[in-house]
Amino acid sequence: MKNLVKKLGFHYLIPIAILGMMILLLHDFFMVNSTYYQLAYDTEKSGVFRKMNFPDGGLARLYELADEWKEDPYDVITVAMINSGYCFDGTAGGLSHLQFQQLYAGIQNQKPAEYRRLRSHYQVLLSDLACFPVLLDPDRDVRRLNYENGWGDSRSYGGERSHEGTDLMDRDNVRGMLPVVSMTDGTVTRLGWLEQGGYRAGVTSPSGCYYYYAHLASYAEGLAEGVSVKAGQLLGYMGDTGYSAVEGTTGNFDVHLHVGIYLNAGTSEEISVNPYWILRYLEEKAFSYHYRSVY
């Protein structure tokens, strides 16, 4: 070092040191502030947040990372979604434990209130989930269900609108056969006929998230508003009711279950989010079911 100082002169090393410090500061600035911009972009009605993009096992991977790192899972989920532009596919951004800690600390220093709000949304939406909403006999029904990411697709009944849920289609198209169960513990808060949804059941989970099950053929015995249910408990049977003001109308579409998930974001309006990737995650939690236990 002394030889370098003699060779270049002390006055040459000062700007080099300053330049190095500036590079480090700029790196941190852009890394952290890009995260702030992503955080600021999210609102309760933000399309990118509502898509719930956890493709290719992303959500399962985030829970795994939280367990490996001994971190709170909803902190890991929130930071990873912000860092990946709200689309974590298991590899997006190559998030390491150190990066998570740096991003988390930076956000806490600069935007703690916004962060807490966003984290709360993810916890409310995800923390109560326990099982897939249709019970399938693994020997008979493994290929019976079909569902796609139809979030935002157009619908015309009752006026032009966007599809705010996921339709699980019965390939056999048989009304009243496949059991529909609650994805969470909770309370039945809405029940009965809707023109668009037919016979529907709405369950509010302990965290306050609302899960909507529509087009049922019939209800489980004893189901009523105010009744407490457990995850995996029978709500009714998949059907094709709805698209009519006349209660009991069937046959206007194929047999399927419409699943909707709604977040009350502290406003007078519930905010719908895309159930598709959540359902894909829940497939691993699907309850096996044997028809002899019901029929």
C-alpha atoms as a PDB file:
ATOM      1  CA  MET A   1       0.000   0.000   0.000  1.00  0.00           C
ATOM      2  CA  LYS A   2       2.850   2.368   0.876  1.00  0.00           C
ATOM      3  CA  ASN A   3       4.466   1.698  -2.499  1.00  0.00           C
ATOM      4  CA  LEU A   4       1.129   2.353  -4.222  1.00  0.00           C
ATOM      5  CA  VAL A   5       0.746   5.631  -2.360  1.00  0.00           C
ATOM      6  CA  LYS A   6       4.265   6.667  -3.338  1.00  0.00           C
ATOM      7  CA  LYS A   7       3.703   5.660  -6.950  1.00  0.00           C
ATOM      8  CA  LEU A   8       0.309   7.317  -7.439  1.00  0.00           C
ATOM      9  CA  GLY A   9       0.465   9.998  -4.841  1.00  0.00           C
ATOM     10  CA  PHE A  10      -1.962  10.389  -1.980  1.00  0.00           C
ATOM     11  CA  HIS A  11      -4.150  12.853  -3.859  1.00  0.00           C
ATOM     12  CA  TYR A  12      -4.955  10.177  -6.502  1.00  0.00           C
ATOM     13  CA  LEU A  13      -6.226   7.707  -3.901  1.00  0.00           C
ATOM     14  CA  ILE A  14      -8.814  10.087  -2.465  1.00  0.00           C
ATOM     15  CA  PRO A  15     -11.036  10.214  -5.594  1.00  0.00           C
ATOM     16  CA  ILE A  16     -10.630   6.427  -6.049  1.00  0.00           C
ATOM     17  CA  ALA A  17     -11.861   5.832  -2.503  1.00  0.00           C
ATOM     18  CA  ILE A  18     -14.735   8.275  -2.979  1.00  0.00           C
ATOM     19  CA  LEU A  19     -15.703   6.578  -6.247  1.00  0.00           C
ATOM     20  CA  GLY A  20     -15.743   3.179  -4.539  1.00  0.00           C
ATOM     21  CA  MET A  21     -17.937   4.486  -1.752  1.00  0.00           C
ATOM     22  CA  MET A  22     -20.318   6.041  -4.278  1.00  0.00           C
ATOM     23  CA  ILE A  23     -20.637   2.748  -6.169  1.00  0.00           C
ATOM     24  CA  LEU A  24     -21.533   0.922  -2.956  1.00  0.00           C
ATOM     25  CA  LEU A  25     -24.037   3.592  -1.940  1.00  0.00           C
ATOM     26  CA  LEU A  26     -25.650   3.663  -5.362  1.00  0.00           C
ATOM     27  CA  HIS A  27     -25.936  -0.128  -5.363  1.00  0.00           C
ATOM     28  CA  ASP A  28     -27.691  -0.066  -2.010  1.00  0.00           C
ATOM     29  CA  PHE A  29     -29.832   2.893  -3.061  1.00  0.00           C
ATOM     30  CA  PHE A  30     -31.116   1.273  -6.234  1.00  0.00           C
ATOM     31  CA  MET A  31     -31.569  -2.156  -4.652  1.00  0.00           C
ATOM     32  CA  VAL A  32     -33.519  -0.832  -1.678  1.00  0.00           C
ATOM     33  CA  ASN A  33     -35.397   1.940  -3.469  1.00  0.00           C
ATOM     34  CA  SER A  34     -36.501  -0.354  -6.283  1.00  0.00           C
ATOM     35  CA  THR A  35     -38.078  -2.364  -3.492  1.00  0.00           C
ATOM     36  CA  TYR A  36     -39.736   0.775  -2.140  1.00  0.00           C
ATOM     37  CA  TYR A  37     -41.170   1.542  -5.557  1.00  0.00           C
ATOM     38  CA  GLN A  38     -42.615  -1.958  -5.761  1.00  0.00           C
ATOM     39  CA  LEU A  39     -44.073  -1.535  -2.294  1.00  0.00           C
ATOM     40  CA  ALA A  40     -45.553   1.858  -3.126  1.00  0.00           C
ATOM     41  CA  TYR A  41     -47.076   0.416  -6.290  1.00  0.00           C
ATOM     42  CA  ASP A  42     -49.136  -2.016  -4.267  1.00  0.00           C
ATOM     43  CA  THR A  43     -52.528  -0.909  -2.981  1.00  0.00           C
ATOM     44  CA  GLU A  44     -55.545  -2.927  -1.916  1.00  0.00           C
ATOM     45  CA  LYS A  45     -56.894  -2.663  -5.469  1.00  0.00           C
ATOM     46  CA  SER A  46     -53.595  -3.095  -7.286  1.00  0.00           C
ATOM     47  CA  GLY A  47     -53.943  -5.579 -10.113  1.00  0.00           C
ATOM     48  CA  VAL A  48     -50.456  -6.960  -9.576  1.00  0.00           C
ATOM     49  CA  PHE A  49     -51.132  -7.725  -5.905  1.00  0.00           C
ATOM     50  CA  ARG A  50     -54.557  -9.246  -6.576  1.00  0.00           C
ATOM     51  CA  LYS A  51     -53.153 -11.746  -9.092  1.00  0.00           C
ATOM     52  CA  MET A  52     -51.461 -13.676  -6.248  1.00  0.00           C
ATOM     53  CA  ASN A  53     -48.713 -14.844  -8.598  1.00  0.00           C
ATOM     54  CA  PHE A  54     -47.002 -17.827  -6.948  1.00  0.00           C
ATOM     55  CA  PRO A  55     -46.320 -19.923 -10.072  1.00  0.00           C
ATOM     56  CA  ASP A  56     -44.388 -23.181 -10.286  1.00  0.00           C
ATOM     57  CA  GLY A  57     -44.518 -24.022  -6.595  1.00  0.00           C
ATOM     58  CA  GLY A  58     -43.575 -20.503  -5.536  1.00  0.00           C
ATOM     59  CA  LEU A  59     -45.757 -20.352  -2.430  1.00  0.00           C
ATOM     60  CA  ALA A  60     -44.625 -23.764  -1.198  1.00  0.00           C
ATOM     61  CA  ARG A  61     -41.019 -22.694  -1.730  1.00  0.00           C
ATOM     62  CA  LEU A  62     -41.513 -19.536   0.348  1.00  0.00           C
ATOM     63  CA  TYR A  63     -42.819 -21.568   3.265  1.00  0.00           C
ATOM     64  CA  GLU A  64     -39.801 -23.853   2.891  1.00  0.00           C
ATOM     65  CA  LEU A  65     -37.409 -20.877   2.918  1.00  0.00           C
ATOM     66  CA  ALA A  66     -39.051 -19.450   6.029  1.00  0.00           C
ATOM     67  CA  ASP A  67     -38.575 -22.791   7.764  1.00  0.00           C
ATOM     68  CA  GLU A  68     -34.945 -23.093   6.614  1.00  0.00           C
ATOM     69  CA  TRP A  69     -34.118 -19.545   7.698  1.00  0.00           C
ATOM     70  CA  LYS A  70     -36.149 -19.686  10.933  1.00  0.00           C
ATOM     71  CA  GLU A  71     -37.987 -16.531   9.850  1.00  0.00           C
ATOM     72  CA  ASP A  72     -41.636 -15.551  10.024  1.00  0.00           C
ATOM     73  CA  PRO A  73     -43.276 -17.018   6.886  1.00  0.00           C
ATOM     74  CA  TYR A  74     -45.373 -13.924   6.172  1.00  0.00           C
ATOM     75  CA  ASP A  75     -42.317 -11.684   6.369  1.00  0.00           C
ATOM     76  CA  VAL A  76     -40.570 -13.982   3.895  1.00  0.00           C
ATOM     77  CA  ILE A  77     -43.596 -14.047   1.594  1.00  0.00           C
ATOM     78  CA  THR A  78     -44.039 -10.270   1.687  1.00  0.00           C
ATOM     79  CA  VAL A  79     -40.391  -9.405   1.079  1.00  0.00           C
ATOM     80  CA  ALA A  80     -40.006 -12.020  -1.661  1.00  0.00           C
ATOM     81  CA  MET A  81     -43.114 -10.804  -3.490  1.00  0.00           C
ATOM     82  CA  ILE A  82     -41.963  -7.201  -3.334  1.00  0.00           C
ATOM     83  CA  ASN A  83     -38.469  -8.137  -4.487  1.00  0.00           C
ATOM     84  CA  SER A  84     -39.747 -10.239  -7.405  1.00  0.00           C
ATOM     85  CA  GLY A  85     -42.268  -7.710  -8.676  1.00  0.00           C
ATOM     86  CA  TYR A  86     -45.141  -9.698  -7.157  1.00  0.00           C
ATOM     87  CA  CYS A  87     -44.437 -12.889  -9.071  1.00  0.00           C
ATOM     88  CA  PHE A  88     -42.335 -15.385  -7.102  1.00  0.00           C
ATOM     89  CA  ASP A  89     -41.781 -18.631  -9.007  1.00  0.00           C
ATOM     90  CA  GLY A  90     -39.357 -20.228  -6.574  1.00  0.00           C
ATOM     91  CA  THR A  91     -36.244 -18.746  -8.183  1.00  0.00           C
ATOM     92  CA  ALA A  92     -37.216 -15.148  -9.023  1.00  0.00           C
ATOM     93  CA  GLY A  93     -34.549 -12.727  -7.892  1.00  0.00           C
ATOM     94  CA  GLY A  94     -32.436 -15.539  -6.459  1.00  0.00           C
ATOM     95  CA  LEU A  95     -33.403 -14.371  -2.983  1.00  0.00           C
ATOM     96  CA  SER A  96     -30.893 -15.414  -0.333  1.00  0.00           C
ATOM     97  CA  HIS A  97     -31.256 -15.203   3.424  1.00  0.00           C
ATOM     98  CA  LEU A  98     -28.835 -12.270   3.540  1.00  0.00           C
ATOM     99  CA  GLN A  99     -30.754 -10.426   0.819  1.00  0.00           C
ATOM    100  CA  PHE A 100     -33.999 -11.041   2.669  1.00  0.00           C
ATOM    101  CA  GLN A 101     -32.525  -9.609   5.878  1.00  0.00           C
ATOM    102  CA  GLN A 102     -31.125  -6.553   4.060  1.00  0.00           C
ATOM    103  CA  LEU A 103     -34.376  -5.818   2.241  1.00  0.00           C
ATOM    104  CA  TYR A 104     -36.455  -6.383   5.352  1.00  0.00           C
ATOM    105  CA  ALA A 105     -34.262  -4.027   7.404  1.00  0.00           C
ATOM    106  CA  GLY A 106     -34.310  -1.369   4.685  1.00  0.00           C
ATOM    107  CA  ILE A 107     -38.082  -1.409   4.390  1.00  0.00           C
ATOM    108  CA  GLN A 108     -38.521  -1.307   8.153  1.00  0.00           C
ATOM    109  CA  ASN A 109     -36.328   1.789   8.278  1.00  0.00           C
ATOM    110  CA  GLN A 110     -38.125   3.644   5.503  1.00  0.00           C
ATOM    111  CA  LYS A 111     -41.693   2.368   5.013  1.00  0.00           C
ATOM    112  CA  PRO A 112     -42.711   0.391   8.103  1.00  0.00           C
ATOM    113  CA  ALA A 113     -46.422   1.283   8.019  1.00  0.00           C
ATOM    114  CA  GLU A 114     -46.849   0.335   4.344  1.00  0.00           C
ATOM    115  CA  TYR A 115     -44.945  -2.878   4.918  1.00  0.00           C
ATOM    116  CA  ARG A 116     -47.042  -3.872   7.930  1.00  0.00           C
ATOM    117  CA  ARG A 117     -50.222  -3.306   5.934  1.00  0.00           C
ATOM    118  CA  LEU A 118     -49.053  -5.444   3.024  1.00  0.00           C
ATOM    119  CA  ARG A 119     -47.781  -8.193   5.310  1.00  0.00           C
ATOM    120  CA  SER A 120     -51.125  -8.200   7.098  1.00  0.00           C
ATOM    121  CA  HIS A 121     -52.899  -8.766   3.773  1.00  0.00           C
ATOM    122  CA  TYR A 122     -50.804 -11.845   3.000  1.00  0.00           C
ATOM    123  CA  GLN A 123     -51.241 -13.248   6.495  1.00  0.00           C
ATOM    124  CA  VAL A 124     -55.025 -12.784   6.431  1.00  0.00           C
ATOM    125  CA  LEU A 125     -55.262 -14.372   2.980  1.00  0.00           C
ATOM    126  CA  LEU A 126     -52.990 -17.343   3.565  1.00  0.00           C
ATOM    127  CA  SER A 127     -52.703 -18.211   7.239  1.00  0.00           C
ATOM    128  CA  ASP A 128     -55.992 -20.105   7.621  1.00  0.00           C
ATOM    129  CA  LEU A 129     -55.776 -22.232   4.465  1.00  0.00           C
ATOM    130  CA  ALA A 130     -55.788 -25.955   5.185  1.00  0.00           C
ATOM    131  CA  CYS A 131     -57.203 -28.044   2.349  1.00  0.00           C
ATOM    132  CA  PHE A 132     -58.391 -28.210  -1.246  1.00  0.00           C
ATOM    133  CA  PRO A 133     -62.108 -27.321  -1.632  1.00  0.00           C
ATOM    134  CA  VAL A 134     -63.193 -30.549  -3.367  1.00  0.00           C
ATOM    135  CA  LEU A 135     -62.806 -33.980  -1.789  1.00  0.00           C
ATOM    136  CA  LEU A 136     -61.684 -36.528  -4.329  1.00  0.00           C
ATOM    137  CA  ASP A 137     -61.404 -40.291  -4.212  1.00  0.00           C
ATOM    138  CA  PRO A 138     -57.785 -40.811  -5.353  1.00  0.00           C
ATOM    139  CA  ASP A 139     -58.737 -44.107  -7.003  1.00  0.00           C
ATOM    140  CA  ARG A 140     -61.594 -42.678  -9.053  1.00  0.00           C
ATOM    141  CA  ASP A 141     -61.307 -38.916  -9.339  1.00  0.00           C
ATOM    142  CA  VAL A 142     -57.651 -38.105  -9.935  1.00  0.00           C
ATOM    143  CA  ARG A 143     -58.431 -36.827 -13.442  1.00  0.00           C
ATOM    144  CA  ARG A 144     -61.981 -35.701 -12.818  1.00  0.00           C
ATOM    145  CA  LEU A 145     -61.339 -32.025 -12.064  1.00  0.00           C
ATOM    146  CA  ASN A 146     -60.053 -29.428 -14.484  1.00  0.00           C
ATOM    147  CA  TYR A 147     -59.324 -25.795 -13.735  1.00  0.00           C
ATOM    148  CA  GLU A 148     -57.376 -22.993 -15.367  1.00  0.00           C
ATOM    149  CA  ASN A 149     -56.226 -19.505 -14.508  1.00  0.00           C
ATOM    150  CA  GLY A 150     -59.331 -17.654 -15.659  1.00  0.00           C
ATOM    151  CA  TRP A 151     -58.768 -14.581 -13.509  1.00  0.00           C
ATOM    152  CA  GLY A 152     -59.997 -11.486 -15.326  1.00  0.00           C
ATOM    153  CA  ASP A 153     -61.736 -13.369 -18.138  1.00  0.00           C
ATOM    154  CA  SER A 154     -64.839 -11.649 -19.460  1.00  0.00           C
ATOM    155  CA  ARG A 155     -68.341 -12.609 -18.350  1.00  0.00           C
ATOM    156  CA  SER A 156     -71.560 -11.254 -19.834  1.00  0.00           C
ATOM    157  CA  TYR A 157     -74.449 -12.523 -17.688  1.00  0.00           C
ATOM    158  CA  GLY A 158     -75.818  -9.558 -15.766  1.00  0.00           C
ATOM    159  CA  GLY A 159     -73.686  -7.173 -17.815  1.00  0.00           C
ATOM    160  CA  GLU A 160     -70.088  -7.092 -18.963  1.00  0.00           C
ATOM    161  CA  ARG A 161     -67.751  -7.918 -16.089  1.00  0.00           C
ATOM    162  CA  SER A 162     -64.511  -9.658 -15.201  1.00  0.00           C
ATOM    163  CA  HIS A 163     -64.289 -13.123 -13.700  1.00  0.00           C
ATOM    164  CA  GLU A 164     -63.111 -12.798 -10.094  1.00  0.00           C
ATOM    165  CA  GLY A 165     -62.493 -16.393  -9.140  1.00  0.00           C
ATOM    166  CA  THR A 166     -61.490 -19.850 -10.333  1.00  0.00           C
ATOM    167  CA  ASP A 167     -63.871 -22.428 -11.818  1.00  0.00           C
ATOM    168  CA  LEU A 168     -63.191 -26.063 -10.940  1.00  0.00           C
ATOM    169  CA  MET A 169     -64.918 -28.066 -13.670  1.00  0.00           C
ATOM    170  CA  ASP A 170     -66.272 -31.604 -13.275  1.00  0.00           C
ATOM    171  CA  ARG A 171     -65.181 -33.383 -16.452  1.00  0.00           C
ATOM    172  CA  ASP A 172     -67.979 -35.936 -15.925  1.00  0.00           C
ATOM    173  CA  ASN A 173     -70.478 -33.055 -15.652  1.00  0.00           C
ATOM    174  CA  VAL A 174     -72.590 -34.830 -13.020  1.00  0.00           C
ATOM    175  CA  ARG A 175     -74.632 -32.616 -10.722  1.00  0.00           C
ATOM    176  CA  GLY A 176     -74.533 -33.314  -6.982  1.00  0.00           C
ATOM    177  CA  MET A 177     -71.705 -35.864  -6.929  1.00  0.00           C
ATOM    178  CA  LEU A 178     -68.480 -34.147  -5.884  1.00  0.00           C
ATOM    179  CA  PRO A 179     -68.342 -32.965  -2.241  1.00  0.00           C
ATOM    180  CA  VAL A 180     -67.388 -29.328  -1.642  1.00  0.00           C
ATOM    181  CA  VAL A 181     -65.620 -28.616   1.646  1.00  0.00           C
ATOM    182  CA  SER A 182     -64.386 -25.571   3.499  1.00  0.00           C
ATOM    183  CA  MET A 183     -60.759 -24.665   2.797  1.00  0.00           C
ATOM    184  CA  THR A 184     -60.466 -23.194   6.302  1.00  0.00           C
ATOM    185  CA  ASP A 185     -61.919 -23.182   9.763  1.00  0.00           C
ATOM    186  CA  GLY A 186     -64.477 -20.435  10.044  1.00  0.00           C
ATOM    187  CA  THR A 187     -68.072 -19.314  10.315  1.00  0.00           C
ATOM    188  CA  VAL A 188     -70.771 -19.572   7.650  1.00  0.00           C
ATOM    189  CA  THR A 189     -71.611 -15.913   7.125  1.00  0.00           C
ATOM    190  CA  ARG A 190     -73.635 -16.097   3.890  1.00  0.00           C
ATOM    191  CA  LEU A 191     -75.913 -18.790   2.552  1.00  0.00           C
ATOM    192  CA  GLY A 192     -78.694 -19.041   0.001  1.00  0.00           C
ATOM    193  CA  TRP A 193     -79.556 -18.160  -3.567  1.00  0.00           C
ATOM    194  CA  LEU A 194     -77.796 -15.557  -5.708  1.00  0.00           C
ATOM    195  CA  GLU A 195     -78.811 -14.844  -9.282  1.00  0.00           C
ATOM    196  CA  GLN A 196     -75.252 -15.211 -10.588  1.00  0.00           C
ATOM    197  CA  GLY A 197     -73.900 -17.698  -8.035  1.00  0.00           C
ATOM    198  CA  GLY A 198     -76.891 -19.963  -7.554  1.00  0.00           C
ATOM    199  CA  TYR A 199     -76.792 -21.768  -4.235  1.00  0.00           C
ATOM    200  CA  ARG A 200     -73.700 -20.443  -2.545  1.00  0.00           C
ATOM    201  CA  ALA A 201     -71.946 -20.709   0.797  1.00  0.00           C
ATOM    202  CA  GLY A 202     -69.672 -18.041   2.231  1.00  0.00           C
ATOM    203  CA  VAL A 203     -67.239 -18.842   5.033  1.00  0.00           C
ATOM    204  CA  THR A 204     -65.298 -16.192   6.942  1.00  0.00           C
ATOM    205  CA  SER A 205     -62.052 -17.525   8.397  1.00  0.00           C
ATOM    206  CA  PRO A 206     -60.665 -16.622  11.853  1.00  0.00           C
ATOM    207  CA  SER A 207     -58.300 -14.092  10.252  1.00  0.00           C
ATOM    208  CA  GLY A 208     -61.219 -12.370   8.524  1.00  0.00           C
ATOM    209  CA  CYS A 209     -60.823 -13.606   4.950  1.00  0.00           C
ATOM    210  CA  TYR A 210     -64.027 -14.496   3.073  1.00  0.00           C
ATOM    211  CA  TYR A 211     -64.187 -17.693   0.992  1.00  0.00           C
ATOM    212  CA  TYR A 212     -67.026 -17.998  -1.518  1.00  0.00           C
ATOM    213  CA  TYR A 213     -68.290 -21.329  -2.912  1.00  0.00           C
ATOM    214  CA  ALA A 214     -70.877 -20.977  -5.699  1.00  0.00           C
ATOM    215  CA  HIS A 215     -73.189 -23.020  -7.982  1.00  0.00           C
ATOM    216  CA  LEU A 216     -73.786 -25.740  -5.375  1.00  0.00           C
ATOM    217  CA  ALA A 217     -76.366 -28.430  -6.154  1.00  0.00           C
ATOM    218  CA  SER A 218     -77.304 -28.761  -2.481  1.00  0.00           C
ATOM    219  CA  TYR A 219     -76.099 -27.979   1.035  1.00  0.00           C
ATOM    220  CA  ALA A 220     -74.766 -30.244   3.736  1.00  0.00           C
ATOM    221  CA  GLU A 221     -77.325 -31.185   6.373  1.00  0.00           C
ATOM    222  CA  GLY A 222     -77.424 -28.650   9.197  1.00  0.00           C
ATOM    223  CA  LEU A 223     -75.499 -25.944   7.351  1.00  0.00           C
ATOM    224  CA  ALA A 224     -76.814 -22.497   8.267  1.00  0.00           C
ATOM    225  CA  GLU A 225     -75.594 -18.942   8.699  1.00  0.00           C
ATOM    226  CA  GLY A 226     -73.745 -18.563  11.979  1.00  0.00           C
ATOM    227  CA  VAL A 227     -72.647 -22.207  12.096  1.00  0.00           C
ATOM    228  CA  SER A 228     -68.949 -22.862  12.770  1.00  0.00           C
ATOM    229  CA  VAL A 229     -67.149 -25.180  10.376  1.00  0.00           C
ATOM    230  CA  LYS A 230     -63.767 -26.871  10.348  1.00  0.00           C
ATOM    231  CA  ALA A 231     -61.371 -27.099   7.419  1.00  0.00           C
ATOM    232  CA  GLY A 232     -62.398 -30.092   5.350  1.00  0.00           C
ATOM    233  CA  GLN A 233     -65.988 -30.038   6.603  1.00  0.00           C
ATOM    234  CA  LEU A 234     -68.700 -30.693   4.018  1.00  0.00           C
ATOM    235  CA  LEU A 235     -70.527 -27.594   2.766  1.00  0.00           C
ATOM    236  CA  GLY A 236     -72.494 -29.173  -0.063  1.00  0.00           C
ATOM    237  CA  TYR A 237     -72.164 -30.741  -3.495  1.00  0.00           C
ATOM    238  CA  MET A 238     -70.912 -29.362  -6.770  1.00  0.00           C
ATOM    239  CA  GLY A 239     -73.646 -28.344  -9.193  1.00  0.00           C
ATOM    240  CA  ASP A 240     -74.766 -26.002 -11.957  1.00  0.00           C
ATOM    241  CA  THR A 241     -77.182 -23.655 -10.202  1.00  0.00           C
ATOM    242  CA  GLY A 242     -77.440 -19.977 -11.041  1.00  0.00           C
ATOM    243  CA  TYR A 243     -77.646 -17.437 -13.849  1.00  0.00           C
ATOM    244  CA  SER A 244     -81.304 -16.908 -13.079  1.00  0.00           C
ATOM    245  CA  ALA A 245     -83.481 -14.906 -10.738  1.00  0.00           C
ATOM    246  CA  VAL A 246     -85.582 -18.041 -10.274  1.00  0.00           C
ATOM    247  CA  GLU A 247     -84.269 -20.032  -7.308  1.00  0.00           C
ATOM    248  CA  GLY A 248     -83.292 -23.598  -8.131  1.00  0.00           C
ATOM    249  CA  THR A 249     -82.507 -22.985 -11.809  1.00  0.00           C
ATOM    250  CA  THR A 250     -79.946 -25.439 -13.227  1.00  0.00           C
ATOM    251  CA  GLY A 251     -78.464 -26.264 -16.617  1.00  0.00           C
ATOM    252  CA  ASN A 252     -77.280 -22.857 -17.799  1.00  0.00           C
ATOM    253  CA  PHE A 253     -73.651 -24.055 -17.763  1.00  0.00           C
ATOM    254  CA  ASP A 254     -71.614 -27.171 -17.018  1.00  0.00           C
ATOM    255  CA  VAL A 255     -71.255 -28.505 -13.485  1.00  0.00           C
ATOM    256  CA  HIS A 256     -68.486 -26.715 -11.626  1.00  0.00           C
ATOM    257  CA  LEU A 257     -67.477 -24.993  -8.407  1.00  0.00           C
ATOM    258  CA  HIS A 258     -66.674 -21.291  -8.505  1.00  0.00           C
ATOM    259  CA  VAL A 259     -64.197 -20.392  -5.760  1.00  0.00           C
ATOM    260  CA  GLY A 260     -63.764 -16.763  -4.768  1.00  0.00           C
ATOM    261  CA  ILE A 261     -61.448 -15.274  -2.139  1.00  0.00           C
ATOM    262  CA  TYR A 262     -62.079 -11.807  -0.729  1.00  0.00           C
ATOM    263  CA  LEU A 263     -59.993  -9.594   1.512  1.00  0.00           C
ATOM    264  CA  ASN A 264     -61.561  -6.896   3.633  1.00  0.00           C
ATOM    265  CA  ALA A 265     -58.803  -4.317   3.386  1.00  0.00           C
ATOM    266  CA  GLY A 266     -60.171  -2.005   6.059  1.00  0.00           C
ATOM    267  CA  THR A 267     -62.564  -0.358   3.640  1.00  0.00           C
ATOM    268  CA  SER A 268     -66.276  -0.713   2.979  1.00  0.00           C
ATOM    269  CA  GLU A 269     -65.465  -2.840  -0.057  1.00  0.00           C
ATOM    270  CA  GLU A 270     -64.138  -6.393  -0.129  1.00  0.00           C
ATOM    271  CA  ILE A 271     -61.221  -6.892  -2.516  1.00  0.00           C
ATOM    272  CA  SER A 272     -61.154 -10.072  -4.580  1.00  0.00           C
ATOM    273  CA  VAL A 273     -57.878 -11.900  -5.223  1.00  0.00           C
ATOM    274  CA  ASN A 274     -57.007 -14.649  -7.671  1.00  0.00           C
ATOM    275  CA  PRO A 275     -57.535 -18.119  -6.117  1.00  0.00           C
ATOM    276  CA  TYR A 276     -55.789 -20.058  -8.910  1.00  0.00           C
ATOM    277  CA  TRP A 277     -52.223 -20.329  -7.567  1.00  0.00           C
ATOM    278  CA  ILE A 278     -53.549 -20.772  -4.036  1.00  0.00           C
ATOM    279  CA  LEU A 279     -55.612 -23.737  -5.240  1.00  0.00           C
ATOM    280  CA  ARG A 280     -52.580 -25.200  -6.983  1.00  0.00           C
ATOM    281  CA  TYR A 281     -50.714 -24.986  -3.681  1.00  0.00           C
ATOM    282  CA  LEU A 282     -53.639 -26.594  -1.847  1.00  0.00           C
ATOM    283  CA  GLU A 283     -53.707 -29.578  -4.205  1.00  0.00           C
ATOM    284  CA  GLU A 284     -50.954 -31.049  -2.049  1.00  0.00           C
ATOM    285  CA  LYS A 285     -53.302 -30.764   0.925  1.00  0.00           C
ATOM    286  CA  ALA A 286     -56.262 -32.419  -0.830  1.00  0.00           C
ATOM    287  CA  PHE A 287     -58.262 -34.700   1.451  1.00  0.00           C
ATOM    288  CA  SER A 288     -58.780 -38.208   0.088  1.00  0.00           C
ATOM    289  CA  TYR A 289     -62.395 -39.211   0.073  1.00  0.00           C
ATOM    290  CA  HIS A 290     -64.275 -42.482  -0.292  1.00  0.00           C
ATOM    291  CA  TYR A 291     -67.806 -42.435  -1.653  1.00  0.00           C
ATOM    292  CA  ARG A 292     -68.986 -45.217   0.679  1.00  0.00           C
ATOM    293  CA  SER A 293     -68.662 -42.761   3.574  1.00  0.00           C
ATOM    294  CA  VAL A 294     -71.484 -40.605   2.182  1.00  0.00           C
ATOM    295  CA  TYR A 295     -73.609 -42.578  -0.296  1.00  0.00           C
END
